[in-house]
């Protein structure tokens, strides 16, 4: 004789093979909804009408935009039946029913907005988290020889990991290629454009010669035809053996180099138009060499510019702060600098390069 347990497992396996995941989730939530409705009917003094919000909240997280309106309709039917079987409709029951019905309407309206994405709320958030993690990984510094220390830091205007500033970095043989980019806008509003642009620029950075990178990035942005379709960027191409570097800028704040011999910071200015504004723009390099003990800073305008302060004054303030915070100890220097200076109302990105 077949035991009930194996028979139940076979039935469960058959349902899993017959029904897709979304349908199984809908069936489970409908079952929970019906169970809550029965408990409200049988024991109204123990189970309040507000208990219907539990399956509603789970459905809002787990169901896709196609199943969610149907589930909400069933919830409203269960609510109507549960209210009809109440022995007496008091003011408390009436208010509870209105709250549940109002939240049902709110969930349906949110599902209409979510239908543009086509996935459930929790999965949609996981997709954004995955994209966020990818942009942060692209900003990670690749392995370098022991004579070099490079680190980057990002901060967003809203305090979230989504920002319009980002860093992409790759190593090609004995050359380090880094781009620090500031997309128009700030915070979450610029985060979606930054996600798309970071992937594109990461591919261009690894595939093209240094002199072609910003020109290709400019062409890419022009083709996007965004309403706010521009960005500033600074590109560093560094030879790890010799310390020779080239910096190209697309409307970006100037880089800053600290010479260990003199202990002074100097500004490295490279001219070039913003990305996405002028077709077939040219970007001329500023060249130099990093010797042992030298340090280089690349940053976005959130570090040096405010509504009441010009960029040049902000650069002077940042370099003075950097001189105090580094003092020969460069490990963790990018974090110390970005936390001590810059506008909290704007996205900020900072790259610190030090040759030991």
Foldseek 3Di string as FASTA:
>chain_A
DDDVVVVVVVVVVVCPVVDDPQVVVLVVLLVVLVVLLVCCLVPVVVRPLLVSVVSLVVCQQAHALVSLLVSLVSNLVSLVVSCVSDPDCDPVNVVSSVVSNVVSVVSNVVSVVRVVVGGHNNVVVVVVVVLLVVQQVQQDEDDDPPQKDKDKDKAFLVRDSQWQWGKGWDDDPQKIKIKTKGAPDIDPVNRVVSSVLSVVLNVLRVPDDPQCRLLVSLVVLQVVPDPRRWMKMKMWIARNPFQKIKIWIAPFAWKWKQAPVVRDIDTFDWDWHIRNDDHPTGIDIGIDGHDAFMKMKDKGQQQFDDPPDDNVVRVVVLVVVLSVQPVPNCVCSNVVSVVPGGDSNGIMMMMMMHRD
